């Protein structure tokens, strides 16, 4: 590992009487950039009370490698329909919100996989993970336990990120190929902000609607229509977090009226847009639930 360059990092901290957290962001290896959404996130937190966060639907598949107490997760697709405890886990694409619960101290690494990156790196039908949270060891076996131990023992976040690079690159080398028609369809959806008609996309990639839906279910986990809606919703969220007003963001995103915008927001976030804006925690702390 000594010849592996350490990723550059960026640190965000929040200190208050009842809570403190630190997010250490690291850039993945350039060879992984098509498969990782954004940065790696090394996270530590201490609170005086159990912290519950609302995890809105997003266009990525989060992988959490945990070094502390188990996280509570309430995900609608999981069998119990209630809060379950997970250690090192993955959440497939969701078309609704989930709730996470952290104990008084927590420490983990999060890597957000792009939808097609998840297919390449996990190697399982993504529909099996849609709207579900699953222990990563149940998918990848004991190699995850060994990776977690190496990451835990590493002396710095930079070293942890470099180890994670190495692991993911090895997974990528042995992962399944992606259907080029699915790649083209996803690229079209992303270029148009989710605005392209699904029938037009199916024609462009020379698949029937049924074939396109089947390919998306296998390699992404949700139908093209739902993915298109998620892409549009994700852009709305990014603009709201950047300070855009609700009215202008809804109009620019193409929602035909405010009730339509509110319905879509509640579908993917479980709360009204105004509550989302008010619930944001400082310094990249996420969205408080309740």
C-alpha atoms as a PDB file:
ATOM      1  CA  UNK A   1       0.000   0.000   0.000  1.00  0.00           C
ATOM      2  CA  UNK A   2       2.945   2.398   0.430  1.00  0.00           C
ATOM      3  CA  UNK A   3       2.930   3.176  -3.308  1.00  0.00           C
ATOM      4  CA  UNK A   4      -0.764   4.106  -3.307  1.00  0.00           C
ATOM      5  CA  UNK A   5      -1.214   7.925  -3.334  1.00  0.00           C
ATOM      6  CA  UNK A   6      -3.289   9.257  -0.460  1.00  0.00           C
ATOM      7  CA  UNK A   7      -6.491  11.054  -1.499  1.00  0.00           C
ATOM      8  CA  UNK A   8      -6.702  14.772  -0.818  1.00  0.00           C
ATOM      9  CA  UNK A   9      -9.206  15.500   1.922  1.00  0.00           C
ATOM     10  CA  UNK A  10     -11.592  18.246   2.994  1.00  0.00           C
ATOM     11  CA  UNK A  11     -12.906  18.535   6.561  1.00  0.00           C
ATOM     12  CA  UNK A  12     -16.258  19.915   7.792  1.00  0.00           C
ATOM     13  CA  UNK A  13     -16.884  20.245  11.550  1.00  0.00           C
ATOM     14  CA  UNK A  14     -19.833  21.189  13.736  1.00  0.00           C
ATOM     15  CA  UNK A  15     -19.571  21.877  17.473  1.00  0.00           C
ATOM     16  CA  UNK A  16     -22.559  22.566  19.741  1.00  0.00           C
ATOM     17  CA  UNK A  17     -23.553  21.840  23.319  1.00  0.00           C
ATOM     18  CA  UNK A  18     -25.689  18.809  22.436  1.00  0.00           C
ATOM     19  CA  UNK A  19     -23.877  17.472  19.353  1.00  0.00           C
ATOM     20  CA  UNK A  20     -20.572  17.501  17.493  1.00  0.00           C
ATOM     21  CA  UNK A  21     -19.672  15.888  14.199  1.00  0.00           C
ATOM     22  CA  UNK A  22     -16.848  15.808  11.717  1.00  0.00           C
ATOM     23  CA  UNK A  23     -17.107  14.873   8.052  1.00  0.00           C
ATOM     24  CA  UNK A  24     -13.840  14.114   6.259  1.00  0.00           C
ATOM     25  CA  UNK A  25     -14.299  14.099   2.474  1.00  0.00           C
ATOM     26  CA  UNK A  26     -11.833  12.240   0.262  1.00  0.00           C
ATOM     27  CA  UNK A  27     -11.667  12.081  -3.532  1.00  0.00           C
ATOM     28  CA  UNK A  28     -11.801   8.533  -4.948  1.00  0.00           C
ATOM     29  CA  UNK A  29      -9.173   7.188  -7.326  1.00  0.00           C
ATOM     30  CA  UNK A  30      -9.796   8.681 -10.806  1.00  0.00           C
ATOM     31  CA  UNK A  31     -10.478   5.196 -12.202  1.00  0.00           C
ATOM     32  CA  UNK A  32     -13.464   4.953  -9.840  1.00  0.00           C
ATOM     33  CA  UNK A  33     -15.043   8.327 -10.627  1.00  0.00           C
ATOM     34  CA  UNK A  34     -17.674   6.911 -13.041  1.00  0.00           C
ATOM     35  CA  UNK A  35     -18.810   4.538 -10.287  1.00  0.00           C
ATOM     36  CA  UNK A  36     -18.720   6.738  -7.169  1.00  0.00           C
ATOM     37  CA  UNK A  37     -21.107   9.671  -6.707  1.00  0.00           C
ATOM     38  CA  UNK A  38     -19.070  12.486  -5.187  1.00  0.00           C
ATOM     39  CA  UNK A  39     -16.549  11.982  -2.405  1.00  0.00           C
ATOM     40  CA  UNK A  40     -15.884   9.349   0.192  1.00  0.00           C
ATOM     41  CA  UNK A  41     -17.158  10.532   3.578  1.00  0.00           C
ATOM     42  CA  UNK A  42     -15.451   9.640   6.845  1.00  0.00           C
ATOM     43  CA  UNK A  43     -17.898  10.435   9.652  1.00  0.00           C
ATOM     44  CA  UNK A  44     -17.592  10.740  13.431  1.00  0.00           C
ATOM     45  CA  UNK A  45     -20.285  12.044  15.764  1.00  0.00           C
ATOM     46  CA  UNK A  46     -21.082  12.395  19.437  1.00  0.00           C
ATOM     47  CA  UNK A  47     -24.451  13.554  20.752  1.00  0.00           C
ATOM     48  CA  UNK A  48     -26.205  13.837  24.096  1.00  0.00           C
ATOM     49  CA  UNK A  49     -29.323  12.143  22.662  1.00  0.00           C
ATOM     50  CA  UNK A  50     -29.977   9.515  20.007  1.00  0.00           C
ATOM     51  CA  UNK A  51     -29.839  11.309  16.631  1.00  0.00           C
ATOM     52  CA  UNK A  52     -32.502  10.489  14.038  1.00  0.00           C
ATOM     53  CA  UNK A  53     -32.089  11.640  10.460  1.00  0.00           C
ATOM     54  CA  UNK A  54     -34.382  11.490   7.462  1.00  0.00           C
ATOM     55  CA  UNK A  55     -32.702  10.009   4.388  1.00  0.00           C
ATOM     56  CA  UNK A  56     -34.574  11.231   1.337  1.00  0.00           C
ATOM     57  CA  UNK A  57     -34.597   9.256  -1.915  1.00  0.00           C
ATOM     58  CA  UNK A  58     -31.401   9.879  -3.904  1.00  0.00           C
ATOM     59  CA  UNK A  59     -29.889   8.782  -7.194  1.00  0.00           C
ATOM     60  CA  UNK A  60     -27.091   6.776  -5.589  1.00  0.00           C
ATOM     61  CA  UNK A  61     -26.570   3.620  -3.552  1.00  0.00           C
ATOM     62  CA  UNK A  62     -24.916   4.344  -0.175  1.00  0.00           C
ATOM     63  CA  UNK A  63     -22.483   1.825   1.321  1.00  0.00           C
ATOM     64  CA  UNK A  64     -21.738   2.298   5.040  1.00  0.00           C
ATOM     65  CA  UNK A  65     -18.690   0.641   6.614  1.00  0.00           C
ATOM     66  CA  UNK A  66     -19.199   1.015  10.335  1.00  0.00           C
ATOM     67  CA  UNK A  67     -16.644   1.206  13.165  1.00  0.00           C
ATOM     68  CA  UNK A  68     -19.026   2.012  16.005  1.00  0.00           C
ATOM     69  CA  UNK A  69     -22.412   0.914  17.399  1.00  0.00           C
ATOM     70  CA  UNK A  70     -24.927  -0.469  14.932  1.00  0.00           C
ATOM     71  CA  UNK A  71     -27.117   2.022  13.109  1.00  0.00           C
ATOM     72  CA  UNK A  72     -30.880   1.836  13.292  1.00  0.00           C
ATOM     73  CA  UNK A  73     -32.549   2.005   9.877  1.00  0.00           C
ATOM     74  CA  UNK A  74     -36.238   2.119   9.055  1.00  0.00           C
ATOM     75  CA  UNK A  75     -36.616   1.253   5.376  1.00  0.00           C
ATOM     76  CA  UNK A  76     -40.086   0.580   3.921  1.00  0.00           C
ATOM     77  CA  UNK A  77     -38.954  -2.421   1.859  1.00  0.00           C
ATOM     78  CA  UNK A  78     -37.365  -4.341   4.703  1.00  0.00           C
ATOM     79  CA  UNK A  79     -39.337  -7.323   6.032  1.00  0.00           C
ATOM     80  CA  UNK A  80     -39.940  -6.056   9.577  1.00  0.00           C
ATOM     81  CA  UNK A  81     -41.349  -2.685   8.396  1.00  0.00           C
ATOM     82  CA  UNK A  82     -39.795  -1.227  11.553  1.00  0.00           C
ATOM     83  CA  UNK A  83     -36.466   0.044  12.850  1.00  0.00           C
ATOM     84  CA  UNK A  84     -33.739  -2.586  12.331  1.00  0.00           C
ATOM     85  CA  UNK A  85     -30.086  -2.575  13.430  1.00  0.00           C
ATOM     86  CA  UNK A  86     -27.307  -2.790  10.835  1.00  0.00           C
ATOM     87  CA  UNK A  87     -23.535  -2.857  11.057  1.00  0.00           C
ATOM     88  CA  UNK A  88     -21.866  -2.524   7.637  1.00  0.00           C
ATOM     89  CA  UNK A  89     -24.613  -2.213   5.048  1.00  0.00           C
ATOM     90  CA  UNK A  90     -25.846  -1.068   1.645  1.00  0.00           C
ATOM     91  CA  UNK A  91     -29.119   0.648   0.727  1.00  0.00           C
ATOM     92  CA  UNK A  92     -30.438   0.118  -2.793  1.00  0.00           C
ATOM     93  CA  UNK A  93     -32.183   2.864  -4.720  1.00  0.00           C
ATOM     94  CA  UNK A  94     -35.332   4.007  -2.898  1.00  0.00           C
ATOM     95  CA  UNK A  95     -38.409   5.751  -4.244  1.00  0.00           C
ATOM     96  CA  UNK A  96     -39.297   6.975  -0.735  1.00  0.00           C
ATOM     97  CA  UNK A  97     -37.564   8.218   2.397  1.00  0.00           C
ATOM     98  CA  UNK A  98     -35.905   6.107   5.097  1.00  0.00           C
ATOM     99  CA  UNK A  99     -34.992   6.979   8.687  1.00  0.00           C
ATOM    100  CA  UNK A 100     -31.624   6.363  10.336  1.00  0.00           C
ATOM    101  CA  UNK A 101     -30.874   6.362  14.037  1.00  0.00           C
ATOM    102  CA  UNK A 102     -27.374   6.797  15.508  1.00  0.00           C
ATOM    103  CA  UNK A 103     -26.375   6.168  19.111  1.00  0.00           C
ATOM    104  CA  UNK A 104     -24.525   8.727  21.206  1.00  0.00           C
ATOM    105  CA  UNK A 105     -21.267   8.034  19.361  1.00  0.00           C
ATOM    106  CA  UNK A 106     -20.772   6.864  15.795  1.00  0.00           C
ATOM    107  CA  UNK A 107     -17.936   6.408  13.331  1.00  0.00           C
ATOM    108  CA  UNK A 108     -18.105   5.132   9.751  1.00  0.00           C
ATOM    109  CA  UNK A 109     -17.050   5.519   6.133  1.00  0.00           C
ATOM    110  CA  UNK A 110     -19.679   6.139   3.471  1.00  0.00           C
ATOM    111  CA  UNK A 111     -19.183   5.600  -0.256  1.00  0.00           C
ATOM    112  CA  UNK A 112     -22.092   6.526  -2.522  1.00  0.00           C
ATOM    113  CA  UNK A 113     -22.170   4.318  -5.608  1.00  0.00           C
ATOM    114  CA  UNK A 114     -23.748   5.496  -8.834  1.00  0.00           C
ATOM    115  CA  UNK A 115     -26.637   3.211  -9.882  1.00  0.00           C
ATOM    116  CA  UNK A 116     -24.548   1.460 -12.536  1.00  0.00           C
ATOM    117  CA  UNK A 117     -21.514   1.560 -10.265  1.00  0.00           C
ATOM    118  CA  UNK A 118     -23.478  -0.444  -7.706  1.00  0.00           C
ATOM    119  CA  UNK A 119     -24.223  -3.077 -10.360  1.00  0.00           C
ATOM    120  CA  UNK A 120     -20.531  -3.323 -11.311  1.00  0.00           C
ATOM    121  CA  UNK A 121     -19.158  -3.289  -7.764  1.00  0.00           C
ATOM    122  CA  UNK A 122     -21.762  -5.395  -5.947  1.00  0.00           C
ATOM    123  CA  UNK A 123     -22.541  -7.843  -8.738  1.00  0.00           C
ATOM    124  CA  UNK A 124     -26.136  -8.624  -7.729  1.00  0.00           C
ATOM    125  CA  UNK A 125     -29.487  -7.863  -9.416  1.00  0.00           C
ATOM    126  CA  UNK A 126     -30.212  -4.362  -8.184  1.00  0.00           C
ATOM    127  CA  UNK A 127     -33.954  -4.976  -8.027  1.00  0.00           C
ATOM    128  CA  UNK A 128     -33.171  -7.266  -5.069  1.00  0.00           C
ATOM    129  CA  UNK A 129     -31.912  -4.184  -3.180  1.00  0.00           C
ATOM    130  CA  UNK A 130     -34.554  -1.675  -4.295  1.00  0.00           C
ATOM    131  CA  UNK A 131     -36.200   0.013  -1.282  1.00  0.00           C
ATOM    132  CA  UNK A 132     -34.187  -2.274   1.005  1.00  0.00           C
ATOM    133  CA  UNK A 133     -31.206  -2.105   3.362  1.00  0.00           C
ATOM    134  CA  UNK A 134     -28.991  -5.211   3.533  1.00  0.00           C
ATOM    135  CA  UNK A 135     -25.868  -6.174   5.477  1.00  0.00           C
ATOM    136  CA  UNK A 136     -22.967  -5.903   3.039  1.00  0.00           C
ATOM    137  CA  UNK A 137     -21.496  -9.183   4.253  1.00  0.00           C
ATOM    138  CA  UNK A 138     -24.663 -10.959   3.072  1.00  0.00           C
ATOM    139  CA  UNK A 139     -23.771  -9.840  -0.463  1.00  0.00           C
ATOM    140  CA  UNK A 140     -19.977  -9.898  -0.569  1.00  0.00           C
ATOM    141  CA  UNK A 141     -19.179 -12.442   2.131  1.00  0.00           C
ATOM    142  CA  UNK A 142     -16.313 -12.463   4.643  1.00  0.00           C
ATOM    143  CA  UNK A 143     -14.068 -10.184   2.563  1.00  0.00           C
ATOM    144  CA  UNK A 144     -16.129  -7.303   3.951  1.00  0.00           C
ATOM    145  CA  UNK A 145     -15.241  -8.290   7.507  1.00  0.00           C
ATOM    146  CA  UNK A 146     -11.551  -8.277   6.583  1.00  0.00           C
ATOM    147  CA  UNK A 147     -11.860  -4.897   4.849  1.00  0.00           C
ATOM    148  CA  UNK A 148     -13.640  -3.423   7.863  1.00  0.00           C
ATOM    149  CA  UNK A 149     -10.854  -4.615  10.175  1.00  0.00           C
ATOM    150  CA  UNK A 150      -8.150  -3.107   7.946  1.00  0.00           C
ATOM    151  CA  UNK A 151     -10.021   0.189   7.708  1.00  0.00           C
ATOM    152  CA  UNK A 152     -10.606   0.283  11.467  1.00  0.00           C
ATOM    153  CA  UNK A 153      -6.905  -0.281  12.164  1.00  0.00           C
ATOM    154  CA  UNK A 154      -5.694   2.337   9.680  1.00  0.00           C
ATOM    155  CA  UNK A 155      -4.039   5.352  11.297  1.00  0.00           C
ATOM    156  CA  UNK A 156      -5.698   8.094   9.255  1.00  0.00           C
ATOM    157  CA  UNK A 157      -8.715   8.831   7.075  1.00  0.00           C
ATOM    158  CA  UNK A 158      -6.364   9.290   4.122  1.00  0.00           C
ATOM    159  CA  UNK A 159      -5.107   5.732   4.583  1.00  0.00           C
ATOM    160  CA  UNK A 160      -8.650   4.444   4.957  1.00  0.00           C
ATOM    161  CA  UNK A 161      -9.715   6.079   1.720  1.00  0.00           C
ATOM    162  CA  UNK A 162      -6.677   4.624  -0.067  1.00  0.00           C
ATOM    163  CA  UNK A 163      -7.549   1.144   1.224  1.00  0.00           C
ATOM    164  CA  UNK A 164     -11.125   1.590   0.060  1.00  0.00           C
ATOM    165  CA  UNK A 165      -9.848   2.616  -3.385  1.00  0.00           C
ATOM    166  CA  UNK A 166      -7.818  -0.569  -3.567  1.00  0.00           C
ATOM    167  CA  UNK A 167     -10.766  -2.752  -2.555  1.00  0.00           C
ATOM    168  CA  UNK A 168     -13.210  -1.159  -4.994  1.00  0.00           C
ATOM    169  CA  UNK A 169     -10.749  -1.317  -7.882  1.00  0.00           C
ATOM    170  CA  UNK A 170     -10.346  -5.045  -7.287  1.00  0.00           C
ATOM    171  CA  UNK A 171     -14.152  -5.438  -7.254  1.00  0.00           C
ATOM    172  CA  UNK A 172     -14.426  -3.441 -10.466  1.00  0.00           C
ATOM    173  CA  UNK A 173     -11.913  -5.687 -12.231  1.00  0.00           C
ATOM    174  CA  UNK A 174     -14.040  -8.773 -11.526  1.00  0.00           C
ATOM    175  CA  UNK A 175     -17.514  -7.185 -11.711  1.00  0.00           C
ATOM    176  CA  UNK A 176     -20.198  -7.853 -14.349  1.00  0.00           C
ATOM    177  CA  UNK A 177     -20.349  -5.853 -17.557  1.00  0.00           C
ATOM    178  CA  UNK A 178     -22.971  -3.145 -17.942  1.00  0.00           C
ATOM    179  CA  UNK A 179     -25.467  -3.267 -20.778  1.00  0.00           C
ATOM    180  CA  UNK A 180     -24.375  -0.425 -23.126  1.00  0.00           C
ATOM    181  CA  UNK A 181     -28.033   0.328 -23.864  1.00  0.00           C
ATOM    182  CA  UNK A 182     -28.654   0.938 -20.148  1.00  0.00           C
ATOM    183  CA  UNK A 183     -25.604   3.213 -20.046  1.00  0.00           C
ATOM    184  CA  UNK A 184     -26.927   5.200 -23.012  1.00  0.00           C
ATOM    185  CA  UNK A 185     -30.405   5.428 -21.489  1.00  0.00           C
ATOM    186  CA  UNK A 186     -29.037   6.663 -18.139  1.00  0.00           C
ATOM    187  CA  UNK A 187     -26.850   9.231 -19.869  1.00  0.00           C
ATOM    188  CA  UNK A 188     -29.871  10.545 -21.774  1.00  0.00           C
ATOM    189  CA  UNK A 189     -31.890  10.841 -18.557  1.00  0.00           C
ATOM    190  CA  UNK A 190     -29.044  12.649 -16.801  1.00  0.00           C
ATOM    191  CA  UNK A 191     -28.437  15.054 -19.693  1.00  0.00           C
ATOM    192  CA  UNK A 192     -32.107  16.037 -19.741  1.00  0.00           C
ATOM    193  CA  UNK A 193     -32.534  16.215 -15.958  1.00  0.00           C
ATOM    194  CA  UNK A 194     -35.043  13.369 -16.134  1.00  0.00           C
ATOM    195  CA  UNK A 195     -37.092  15.182 -18.787  1.00  0.00           C
ATOM    196  CA  UNK A 196     -36.678  12.814 -21.742  1.00  0.00           C
ATOM    197  CA  UNK A 197     -39.684  10.680 -22.666  1.00  0.00           C
ATOM    198  CA  UNK A 198     -39.127   7.010 -21.824  1.00  0.00           C
ATOM    199  CA  UNK A 199     -40.593   5.887 -25.155  1.00  0.00           C
ATOM    200  CA  UNK A 200     -38.124   8.095 -27.021  1.00  0.00           C
ATOM    201  CA  UNK A 201     -35.232   6.697 -24.991  1.00  0.00           C
ATOM    202  CA  UNK A 202     -36.335   3.122 -25.676  1.00  0.00           C
ATOM    203  CA  UNK A 203     -36.398   3.901 -29.406  1.00  0.00           C
ATOM    204  CA  UNK A 204     -32.962   5.529 -29.269  1.00  0.00           C
ATOM    205  CA  UNK A 205     -31.342   2.519 -27.587  1.00  0.00           C
ATOM    206  CA  UNK A 206     -33.268   0.058 -29.772  1.00  0.00           C
ATOM    207  CA  UNK A 207     -35.188  -1.679 -26.998  1.00  0.00           C
ATOM    208  CA  UNK A 208     -38.895  -2.090 -26.417  1.00  0.00           C
ATOM    209  CA  UNK A 209     -40.304  -0.378 -23.338  1.00  0.00           C
ATOM    210  CA  UNK A 210     -40.619  -3.764 -21.678  1.00  0.00           C
ATOM    211  CA  UNK A 211     -37.003  -4.677 -22.448  1.00  0.00           C
ATOM    212  CA  UNK A 212     -35.776  -1.308 -21.164  1.00  0.00           C
ATOM    213  CA  UNK A 213     -37.727  -1.697 -17.920  1.00  0.00           C
ATOM    214  CA  UNK A 214     -36.328  -5.216 -17.463  1.00  0.00           C
ATOM    215  CA  UNK A 215     -32.763  -4.034 -18.028  1.00  0.00           C
ATOM    216  CA  UNK A 216     -33.217  -1.160 -15.583  1.00  0.00           C
ATOM    217  CA  UNK A 217     -34.697  -3.463 -12.946  1.00  0.00           C
ATOM    218  CA  UNK A 218     -31.685  -5.760 -13.185  1.00  0.00           C
ATOM    219  CA  UNK A 219     -28.862  -3.226 -13.379  1.00  0.00           C
ATOM    220  CA  UNK A 220     -30.321  -0.170 -11.604  1.00  0.00           C
ATOM    221  CA  UNK A 221     -33.191  -1.448  -9.454  1.00  0.00           C
ATOM    222  CA  UNK A 222     -36.041   0.890 -10.397  1.00  0.00           C
ATOM    223  CA  UNK A 223     -37.916   1.529 -13.630  1.00  0.00           C
ATOM    224  CA  UNK A 224     -36.719   4.219 -16.072  1.00  0.00           C
ATOM    225  CA  UNK A 225     -39.747   6.371 -15.258  1.00  0.00           C
ATOM    226  CA  UNK A 226     -39.045   6.351 -11.514  1.00  0.00           C
ATOM    227  CA  UNK A 227     -35.329   6.991 -12.107  1.00  0.00           C
ATOM    228  CA  UNK A 228     -36.256   9.980 -14.294  1.00  0.00           C
ATOM    229  CA  UNK A 229     -38.416  11.379 -11.490  1.00  0.00           C
ATOM    230  CA  UNK A 230     -35.604  10.821  -8.987  1.00  0.00           C
ATOM    231  CA  UNK A 231     -33.117  12.669 -11.177  1.00  0.00           C
ATOM    232  CA  UNK A 232     -35.438  15.664 -11.391  1.00  0.00           C
ATOM    233  CA  UNK A 233     -36.113  15.552  -7.645  1.00  0.00           C
ATOM    234  CA  UNK A 234     -32.381  15.327  -6.906  1.00  0.00           C
ATOM    235  CA  UNK A 235     -31.721  18.488  -8.886  1.00  0.00           C
ATOM    236  CA  UNK A 236     -34.475  20.247  -6.952  1.00  0.00           C
ATOM    237  CA  UNK A 237     -32.869  19.218  -3.661  1.00  0.00           C
ATOM    238  CA  UNK A 238     -29.458  20.445  -4.782  1.00  0.00           C
ATOM    239  CA  UNK A 239     -30.897  23.829  -5.712  1.00  0.00           C
ATOM    240  CA  UNK A 240     -32.786  24.146  -2.428  1.00  0.00           C
ATOM    241  CA  UNK A 241     -29.624  23.321  -0.498  1.00  0.00           C
ATOM    242  CA  UNK A 242     -27.817  26.003  -2.493  1.00  0.00           C
ATOM    243  CA  UNK A 243     -30.377  28.585  -1.337  1.00  0.00           C
ATOM    244  CA  UNK A 244     -32.960  28.600  -4.134  1.00  0.00           C
ATOM    245  CA  UNK A 245     -36.527  29.545  -3.268  1.00  0.00           C
ATOM    246  CA  UNK A 246     -39.264  26.918  -3.401  1.00  0.00           C
ATOM    247  CA  UNK A 247     -41.263  28.737  -6.082  1.00  0.00           C
ATOM    248  CA  UNK A 248     -38.397  29.316  -8.500  1.00  0.00           C
ATOM    249  CA  UNK A 249     -36.955  25.841  -8.023  1.00  0.00           C
ATOM    250  CA  UNK A 250     -40.307  24.158  -8.690  1.00  0.00           C
ATOM    251  CA  UNK A 251     -40.884  26.235 -11.829  1.00  0.00           C
ATOM    252  CA  UNK A 252     -37.392  25.699 -13.237  1.00  0.00           C
ATOM    253  CA  UNK A 253     -37.630  21.945 -12.642  1.00  0.00           C
ATOM    254  CA  UNK A 254     -40.760  21.742 -14.806  1.00  0.00           C
ATOM    255  CA  UNK A 255     -43.394  20.896 -12.200  1.00  0.00           C
ATOM    256  CA  UNK A 256     -46.607  22.177 -13.723  1.00  0.00           C
ATOM    257  CA  UNK A 257     -48.049  23.569 -10.471  1.00  0.00           C
ATOM    258  CA  UNK A 258     -47.288  23.816  -6.755  1.00  0.00           C
ATOM    259  CA  UNK A 259     -49.530  20.867  -5.720  1.00  0.00           C
ATOM    260  CA  UNK A 260     -47.698  18.636  -8.229  1.00  0.00           C
ATOM    261  CA  UNK A 261     -44.359  19.766  -6.794  1.00  0.00           C
ATOM    262  CA  UNK A 262     -45.558  19.159  -3.221  1.00  0.00           C
ATOM    263  CA  UNK A 263     -46.874  15.664  -4.046  1.00  0.00           C
ATOM    264  CA  UNK A 264     -43.618  14.665  -5.709  1.00  0.00           C
ATOM    265  CA  UNK A 265     -41.592  16.050  -2.818  1.00  0.00           C
ATOM    266  CA  UNK A 266     -43.649  14.139  -0.246  1.00  0.00           C
ATOM    267  CA  UNK A 267     -43.269  10.946  -2.290  1.00  0.00           C
ATOM    268  CA  UNK A 268     -39.473  11.076  -2.232  1.00  0.00           C
ATOM    269  CA  UNK A 269     -38.806  12.936   1.039  1.00  0.00           C
ATOM    270  CA  UNK A 270     -41.821  12.023   3.170  1.00  0.00           C
ATOM    271  CA  UNK A 271     -42.212  15.667   4.231  1.00  0.00           C
ATOM    272  CA  UNK A 272     -43.242  18.981   2.697  1.00  0.00           C
ATOM    273  CA  UNK A 273     -40.606  21.092   0.910  1.00  0.00           C
ATOM    274  CA  UNK A 274     -40.688  23.783   3.602  1.00  0.00           C
ATOM    275  CA  UNK A 275     -40.084  21.224   6.346  1.00  0.00           C
ATOM    276  CA  UNK A 276     -37.132  19.894   4.357  1.00  0.00           C
ATOM    277  CA  UNK A 277     -35.545  23.332   4.167  1.00  0.00           C
ATOM    278  CA  UNK A 278     -36.089  23.986   7.891  1.00  0.00           C
ATOM    279  CA  UNK A 279     -34.783  20.555   8.917  1.00  0.00           C
ATOM    280  CA  UNK A 280     -31.302  20.905   7.414  1.00  0.00           C
ATOM    281  CA  UNK A 281     -28.517  20.467   9.975  1.00  0.00           C
ATOM    282  CA  UNK A 282     -25.448  22.733   9.763  1.00  0.00           C
ATOM    283  CA  UNK A 283     -22.051  21.808   8.327  1.00  0.00           C
ATOM    284  CA  UNK A 284     -23.191  18.885   6.151  1.00  0.00           C
ATOM    285  CA  UNK A 285     -24.931  17.269   9.114  1.00  0.00           C
ATOM    286  CA  UNK A 286     -27.871  15.911   7.104  1.00  0.00           C
ATOM    287  CA  UNK A 287     -31.611  16.289   7.647  1.00  0.00           C
ATOM    288  CA  UNK A 288     -32.963  15.965  11.173  1.00  0.00           C
ATOM    289  CA  UNK A 289     -36.085  13.836  11.532  1.00  0.00           C
ATOM    290  CA  UNK A 290     -38.669  15.301  13.889  1.00  0.00           C
END
